[in-house]
Amino acid sequence: MASIISKKVNGQTYYYLRQMARVDGKPKMAWERYLGKAEDIEAAVAGSTAVPSGPGTSLLVTSQLPGR
C-alpha cells in the first residue's frame, strides 16, 4: 500500500507518494512520486490547474465517487 511522506529541504516541506515492498524479507522502497508542497496538493484537489513547483514532475489528482 502506498503512503504519503514528507521531506524537509531547506526549511520547505515537500510531499511524496511512496510504495514499499519486501525484498529478501526487508522493506525496500519500490517507487516514489513527487506530489509537491501542501499548496500544490490543495490546488489540485480544489480543481485548479496549477502545476507544482519542484523537481520537474506534475501532480495529477483524480477522485471517483461511488456509483459513477
PDB file of N, CA and C in Angstrom:
ATOM      1  N   MET A   1       0.842  -1.171   0.000  1.00  0.00           N
ATOM      2  CA  MET A   1       0.000   0.000   0.000  1.00  0.00           C
ATOM      3  C   MET A   1       0.890   1.237   0.000  1.00  0.00           C
ATOM      4  N   ALA A   2       0.506   2.226  -0.764  1.00  0.00           N
ATOM      5  CA  ALA A   2       1.266   3.471  -0.841  1.00  0.00           C
ATOM      6  C   ALA A   2       0.915   4.372   0.338  1.00  0.00           C
ATOM      7  N   SER A   3       1.880   5.201   0.722  1.00  0.00           N
ATOM      8  CA  SER A   3       1.646   6.153   1.797  1.00  0.00           C
ATOM      9  C   SER A   3       2.248   7.495   1.413  1.00  0.00           C
ATOM     10  N   ILE A   4       1.741   8.555   2.024  1.00  0.00           N
ATOM     11  CA  ILE A   4       2.243   9.900   1.771  1.00  0.00           C
ATOM     12  C   ILE A   4       3.274  10.223   2.848  1.00  0.00           C
ATOM     13  N   ILE A   5       4.445  10.639   2.401  1.00  0.00           N
ATOM     14  CA  ILE A   5       5.502  11.008   3.338  1.00  0.00           C
ATOM     15  C   ILE A   5       5.926  12.441   3.051  1.00  0.00           C
ATOM     16  N   SER A   6       6.544  13.072   4.040  1.00  0.00           N
ATOM     17  CA  SER A   6       7.029  14.434   3.850  1.00  0.00           C
ATOM     18  C   SER A   6       8.540  14.454   4.004  1.00  0.00           C
ATOM     19  N   LYS A   7       9.166  15.384   3.286  1.00  0.00           N
ATOM     20  CA  LYS A   7      10.609  15.597   3.399  1.00  0.00           C
ATOM     21  C   LYS A   7      10.828  17.088   3.559  1.00  0.00           C
ATOM     22  N   LYS A   8      11.712  17.464   4.474  1.00  0.00           N
ATOM     23  CA  LYS A   8      12.063  18.874   4.653  1.00  0.00           C
ATOM     24  C   LYS A   8      13.384  19.137   3.949  1.00  0.00           C
ATOM     25  N   VAL A   9      13.369  20.139   3.063  1.00  0.00           N
ATOM     26  CA  VAL A   9      14.556  20.543   2.329  1.00  0.00           C
ATOM     27  C   VAL A   9      14.674  22.057   2.460  1.00  0.00           C
ATOM     28  N   ASN A  10      15.754  22.517   3.068  1.00  0.00           N
ATOM     29  CA  ASN A  10      15.987  23.950   3.271  1.00  0.00           C
ATOM     30  C   ASN A  10      14.792  24.640   3.915  1.00  0.00           C
ATOM     31  N   GLY A  11      14.174  23.990   4.881  1.00  0.00           N
ATOM     32  CA  GLY A  11      13.051  24.572   5.606  1.00  0.00           C
ATOM     33  C   GLY A  11      11.707  24.431   4.921  1.00  0.00           C
ATOM     34  N   GLN A  12      11.662  23.917   3.697  1.00  0.00           N
ATOM     35  CA  GLN A  12      10.417  23.711   2.961  1.00  0.00           C
ATOM     36  C   GLN A  12      10.002  22.256   3.077  1.00  0.00           C
ATOM     37  N   THR A  13       8.704  22.002   3.197  1.00  0.00           N
ATOM     38  CA  THR A  13       8.196  20.640   3.291  1.00  0.00           C
ATOM     39  C   THR A  13       7.613  20.227   1.941  1.00  0.00           C
ATOM     40  N   TYR A  14       8.082  19.105   1.434  1.00  0.00           N
ATOM     41  CA  TYR A  14       7.610  18.545   0.173  1.00  0.00           C
ATOM     42  C   TYR A  14       7.005  17.177   0.452  1.00  0.00           C
ATOM     43  N   TYR A  15       5.971  16.816  -0.305  1.00  0.00           N
ATOM     44  CA  TYR A  15       5.259  15.567  -0.087  1.00  0.00           C
ATOM     45  C   TYR A  15       5.462  14.617  -1.255  1.00  0.00           C
ATOM     46  N   TYR A  16       5.549  13.330  -0.909  1.00  0.00           N
ATOM     47  CA  TYR A  16       5.781  12.268  -1.884  1.00  0.00           C
ATOM     48  C   TYR A  16       4.832  11.111  -1.598  1.00  0.00           C
ATOM     49  N   LEU A  17       4.455  10.400  -2.636  1.00  0.00           N
ATOM     50  CA  LEU A  17       3.700   9.162  -2.509  1.00  0.00           C
ATOM     51  C   LEU A  17       4.712   8.032  -2.648  1.00  0.00           C
ATOM     52  N   ARG A  18       4.783   7.154  -1.658  1.00  0.00           N
ATOM     53  CA  ARG A  18       5.813   6.122  -1.630  1.00  0.00           C
ATOM     54  C   ARG A  18       5.195   4.739  -1.461  1.00  0.00           C
ATOM     55  N   GLN A  19       5.679   3.803  -2.263  1.00  0.00           N
ATOM     56  CA  GLN A  19       5.253   2.403  -2.185  1.00  0.00           C
ATOM     57  C   GLN A  19       6.423   1.582  -1.659  1.00  0.00           C
ATOM     58  N   MET A  20       6.177   0.812  -0.614  1.00  0.00           N
ATOM     59  CA  MET A  20       7.205  -0.060  -0.046  1.00  0.00           C
ATOM     60  C   MET A  20       6.897  -1.513  -0.413  1.00  0.00           C
ATOM     61  N   ALA A  21       7.945  -2.322  -0.534  1.00  0.00           N
ATOM     62  CA  ALA A  21       7.792  -3.749  -0.822  1.00  0.00           C
ATOM     63  C   ALA A  21       8.876  -4.495  -0.054  1.00  0.00           C
ATOM     64  N   ARG A  22       8.629  -5.762   0.202  1.00  0.00           N
ATOM     65  CA  ARG A  22       9.634  -6.576   0.899  1.00  0.00           C
ATOM     66  C   ARG A  22      10.525  -7.264  -0.120  1.00  0.00           C
ATOM     67  N   VAL A  23      11.838  -7.119   0.074  1.00  0.00           N
ATOM     68  CA  VAL A  23      12.837  -7.766  -0.762  1.00  0.00           C
ATOM     69  C   VAL A  23      13.774  -8.503   0.178  1.00  0.00           C
ATOM     70  N   ASP A  24      13.854  -9.812  -0.001  1.00  0.00           N
ATOM     71  CA  ASP A  24      14.655 -10.649   0.895  1.00  0.00           C
ATOM     72  C   ASP A  24      14.234 -10.471   2.350  1.00  0.00           C
ATOM     73  N   GLY A  25      12.933 -10.285   2.573  1.00  0.00           N
ATOM     74  CA  GLY A  25      12.397 -10.161   3.921  1.00  0.00           C
ATOM     75  C   GLY A  25      12.560  -8.794   4.549  1.00  0.00           C
ATOM     76  N   LYS A  26      13.129  -7.832   3.826  1.00  0.00           N
ATOM     77  CA  LYS A  26      13.336  -6.495   4.371  1.00  0.00           C
ATOM     78  C   LYS A  26      12.536  -5.470   3.571  1.00  0.00           C
ATOM     79  N   PRO A  27      11.998  -4.456   4.236  1.00  0.00           N
ATOM     80  CA  PRO A  27      11.247  -3.435   3.494  1.00  0.00           C
ATOM     81  C   PRO A  27      12.181  -2.556   2.653  1.00  0.00           C
ATOM     82  N   LYS A  28      11.826  -2.389   1.404  1.00  0.00           N
ATOM     83  CA  LYS A  28      12.580  -1.533   0.482  1.00  0.00           C
ATOM     84  C   LYS A  28      11.592  -0.648  -0.263  1.00  0.00           C
ATOM     85  N   MET A  29      12.046   0.530  -0.664  1.00  0.00           N
ATOM     86  CA  MET A  29      11.192   1.429  -1.421  1.00  0.00           C
ATOM     87  C   MET A  29      11.053   0.896  -2.851  1.00  0.00           C
ATOM     88  N   ALA A  30       9.813   0.652  -3.272  1.00  0.00           N
ATOM     89  CA  ALA A  30       9.557   0.161  -4.617  1.00  0.00           C
ATOM     90  C   ALA A  30       9.519   1.327  -5.607  1.00  0.00           C
ATOM     91  N   TRP A  31       8.829   2.401  -5.236  1.00  0.00           N
ATOM     92  CA  TRP A  31       8.785   3.610  -6.047  1.00  0.00           C
ATOM     93  C   TRP A  31       8.350   4.792  -5.200  1.00  0.00           C
ATOM     94  N   GLU A  32       8.626   5.971  -5.734  1.00  0.00           N
ATOM     95  CA  GLU A  32       8.279   7.213  -5.056  1.00  0.00           C
ATOM     96  C   GLU A  32       7.905   8.246  -6.110  1.00  0.00           C
ATOM     97  N   ARG A  33       6.805   8.970  -5.875  1.00  0.00           N
ATOM     98  CA  ARG A  33       6.356  10.002  -6.806  1.00  0.00           C
ATOM     99  C   ARG A  33       6.213  11.325  -6.076  1.00  0.00           C
ATOM    100  N   TYR A  34       6.720  12.371  -6.659  1.00  0.00           N
ATOM    101  CA  TYR A  34       6.658  13.708  -6.096  1.00  0.00           C
ATOM    102  C   TYR A  34       5.234  14.259  -6.222  1.00  0.00           C
ATOM    103  N   LEU A  35       4.676  14.766  -5.119  1.00  0.00           N
ATOM    104  CA  LEU A  35       3.351  15.360  -5.128  1.00  0.00           C
ATOM    105  C   LEU A  35       3.402  16.880  -5.068  1.00  0.00           C
ATOM    106  N   GLY A  36       4.403  17.441  -4.435  1.00  0.00           N
ATOM    107  CA  GLY A  36       4.533  18.889  -4.342  1.00  0.00           C
ATOM    108  C   GLY A  36       4.413  19.376  -2.915  1.00  0.00           C
ATOM    109  N   LYS A  37       4.250  20.689  -2.794  1.00  0.00           N
ATOM    110  CA  LYS A  37       4.036  21.302  -1.487  1.00  0.00           C
ATOM    111  C   LYS A  37       2.564  21.166  -1.133  1.00  0.00           C
ATOM    112  N   ALA A  38       2.226  21.468   0.111  1.00  0.00           N
ATOM    113  CA  ALA A  38       0.830  21.373   0.560  1.00  0.00           C
ATOM    114  C   ALA A  38      -0.073  22.248  -0.297  1.00  0.00           C
ATOM    115  N   GLU A  39       0.417  23.428  -0.686  1.00  0.00           N
ATOM    116  CA  GLU A  39      -0.385  24.336  -1.519  1.00  0.00           C
ATOM    117  C   GLU A  39      -0.671  23.730  -2.892  1.00  0.00           C
ATOM    118  N   ASP A  40       0.305  23.007  -3.454  1.00  0.00           N
ATOM    119  CA  ASP A  40       0.126  22.356  -4.749  1.00  0.00           C
ATOM    120  C   ASP A  40      -0.935  21.261  -4.667  1.00  0.00           C
ATOM    121  N   ILE A  41      -0.890  20.490  -3.599  1.00  0.00           N
ATOM    122  CA  ILE A  41      -1.849  19.402  -3.414  1.00  0.00           C
ATOM    123  C   ILE A  41      -3.241  19.978  -3.195  1.00  0.00           C
ATOM    124  N   GLU A  42      -3.331  21.024  -2.374  1.00  0.00           N
ATOM    125  CA  GLU A  42      -4.619  21.676  -2.116  1.00  0.00           C
ATOM    126  C   GLU A  42      -5.213  22.239  -3.401  1.00  0.00           C
ATOM    127  N   ALA A  43      -4.388  22.867  -4.240  1.00  0.00           N
ATOM    128  CA  ALA A  43      -4.865  23.429  -5.501  1.00  0.00           C
ATOM    129  C   ALA A  43      -5.361  22.333  -6.440  1.00  0.00           C
ATOM    130  N   ALA A  44      -4.657  21.209  -6.488  1.00  0.00           N
ATOM    131  CA  ALA A  44      -5.057  20.106  -7.358  1.00  0.00           C
ATOM    132  C   ALA A  44      -6.375  19.496  -6.899  1.00  0.00           C
ATOM    133  N   VAL A  45      -6.553  19.360  -5.598  1.00  0.00           N
ATOM    134  CA  VAL A  45      -7.788  18.791  -5.065  1.00  0.00           C
ATOM    135  C   VAL A  45      -8.954  19.747  -5.298  1.00  0.00           C
ATOM    136  N   ALA A  46      -8.683  21.048  -5.233  1.00  0.00           N
ATOM    137  CA  ALA A  46      -9.723  22.054  -5.438  1.00  0.00           C
ATOM    138  C   ALA A  46     -10.084  22.203  -6.910  1.00  0.00           C
ATOM    139  N   GLY A  47      -9.356  21.545  -7.809  1.00  0.00           N
ATOM    140  CA  GLY A  47      -9.676  21.589  -9.229  1.00  0.00           C
ATOM    141  C   GLY A  47      -8.881  22.624  -9.996  1.00  0.00           C
ATOM    142  N   SER A  48      -7.927  23.238  -9.372  1.00  0.00           N
ATOM    143  CA  SER A  48      -7.087  24.214 -10.043  1.00  0.00           C
ATOM    144  C   SER A  48      -6.184  23.502 -11.032  1.00  0.00           C
ATOM    145  N   THR A  49      -5.672  24.252 -11.991  1.00  0.00           N
ATOM    146  CA  THR A  49      -4.759  23.660 -12.963  1.00  0.00           C
ATOM    147  C   THR A  49      -3.312  24.007 -12.646  1.00  0.00           C
ATOM    148  N   ALA A  50      -3.025  24.385 -11.414  1.00  0.00           N
ATOM    149  CA  ALA A  50      -1.671  24.755 -11.030  1.00  0.00           C
ATOM    150  C   ALA A  50      -0.738  23.554 -11.130  1.00  0.00           C
ATOM    151  N   VAL A  51       0.451  23.804 -11.608  1.00  0.00           N
ATOM    152  CA  VAL A  51       1.479  22.773 -11.684  1.00  0.00           C
ATOM    153  C   VAL A  51       2.411  22.967 -10.498  1.00  0.00           C
ATOM    154  N   PRO A  52       2.714  21.908  -9.766  1.00  0.00           N
ATOM    155  CA  PRO A  52       3.567  22.063  -8.594  1.00  0.00           C
ATOM    156  C   PRO A  52       4.975  22.516  -8.962  1.00  0.00           C
ATOM    157  N   SER A  53       5.529  23.346  -8.121  1.00  0.00           N
ATOM    158  CA  SER A  53       6.921  23.734  -8.308  1.00  0.00           C
ATOM    159  C   SER A  53       7.782  22.696  -7.622  1.00  0.00           C
ATOM    160  N   GLY A  54       8.793  22.246  -8.278  1.00  0.00           N
ATOM    161  CA  GLY A  54       9.631  21.237  -7.657  1.00  0.00           C
ATOM    162  C   GLY A  54      10.473  20.508  -8.679  1.00  0.00           C
ATOM    163  N   PRO A  55      10.794  19.261  -8.381  1.00  0.00           N
ATOM    164  CA  PRO A  55      11.734  18.500  -9.205  1.00  0.00           C
ATOM    165  C   PRO A  55      11.228  18.118 -10.591  1.00  0.00           C
ATOM    166  N   GLY A  56      10.482  18.971 -11.256  1.00  0.00           N
ATOM    167  CA  GLY A  56      10.121  18.738 -12.641  1.00  0.00           C
ATOM    168  C   GLY A  56       9.038  17.719 -12.908  1.00  0.00           C
ATOM    169  N   THR A  57       8.261  17.373 -11.918  1.00  0.00           N
ATOM    170  CA  THR A  57       7.165  16.445 -12.155  1.00  0.00           C
ATOM    171  C   THR A  57       5.850  17.162 -11.918  1.00  0.00           C
ATOM    172  N   SER A  58       4.794  16.667 -12.535  1.00  0.00           N
ATOM    173  CA  SER A  58       3.490  17.290 -12.355  1.00  0.00           C
ATOM    174  C   SER A  58       2.628  16.440 -11.442  1.00  0.00           C
ATOM    175  N   LEU A  59       1.597  17.051 -10.940  1.00  0.00           N
ATOM    176  CA  LEU A  59       0.698  16.406  -9.993  1.00  0.00           C
ATOM    177  C   LEU A  59      -0.634  16.149 -10.672  1.00  0.00           C
ATOM    178  N   LEU A  60      -1.127  14.950 -10.583  1.00  0.00           N
ATOM    179  CA  LEU A  60      -2.422  14.596 -11.130  1.00  0.00           C
ATOM    180  C   LEU A  60      -3.246  13.997 -10.005  1.00  0.00           C
ATOM    181  N   VAL A  61      -4.359  14.631  -9.707  1.00  0.00           N
ATOM    182  CA  VAL A  61      -5.244  14.130  -8.659  1.00  0.00           C
ATOM    183  C   VAL A  61      -6.596  13.846  -9.281  1.00  0.00           C
ATOM    184  N   THR A  62      -7.079  12.654  -9.096  1.00  0.00           N
ATOM    185  CA  THR A  62      -8.409  12.291  -9.582  1.00  0.00           C
ATOM    186  C   THR A  62      -9.195  11.701  -8.430  1.00  0.00           C
ATOM    187  N   SER A  63     -10.477  11.834  -8.509  1.00  0.00           N
ATOM    188  CA  SER A  63     -11.328  11.217  -7.494  1.00  0.00           C
ATOM    189  C   SER A  63     -12.502  10.563  -8.185  1.00  0.00           C
ATOM    190  N   GLN A  64     -12.960   9.507  -7.594  1.00  0.00           N
ATOM    191  CA  GLN A  64     -14.125   8.820  -8.125  1.00  0.00           C
ATOM    192  C   GLN A  64     -15.150   8.725  -7.014  1.00  0.00           C
ATOM    193  N   LEU A  65     -16.366   9.097  -7.366  1.00  0.00           N
ATOM    194  CA  LEU A  65     -17.452   8.980  -6.411  1.00  0.00           C
ATOM    195  C   LEU A  65     -18.121   7.627  -6.608  1.00  0.00           C
ATOM    196  N   PRO A  66     -18.585   7.009  -5.522  1.00  0.00           N
ATOM    197  CA  PRO A  66     -19.251   5.717  -5.658  1.00  0.00           C
ATOM    198  C   PRO A  66     -20.451   5.809  -6.616  1.00  0.00           C
ATOM    199  N   GLY A  67     -20.591   4.827  -7.472  1.00  0.00           N
ATOM    200  CA  GLY A  67     -21.722   4.766  -8.377  1.00  0.00           C
ATOM    201  C   GLY A  67     -21.540   5.557  -9.642  1.00  0.00           C
ATOM    202  N   ARG A  68     -20.359   6.084  -9.892  1.00  0.00           N
ATOM    203  CA  ARG A  68     -20.124   6.872 -11.117  1.00  0.00           C
ATOM    204  C   ARG A  68     -19.117   6.197 -11.995  1.00  0.00           C
TER     205      ARG A  68
END
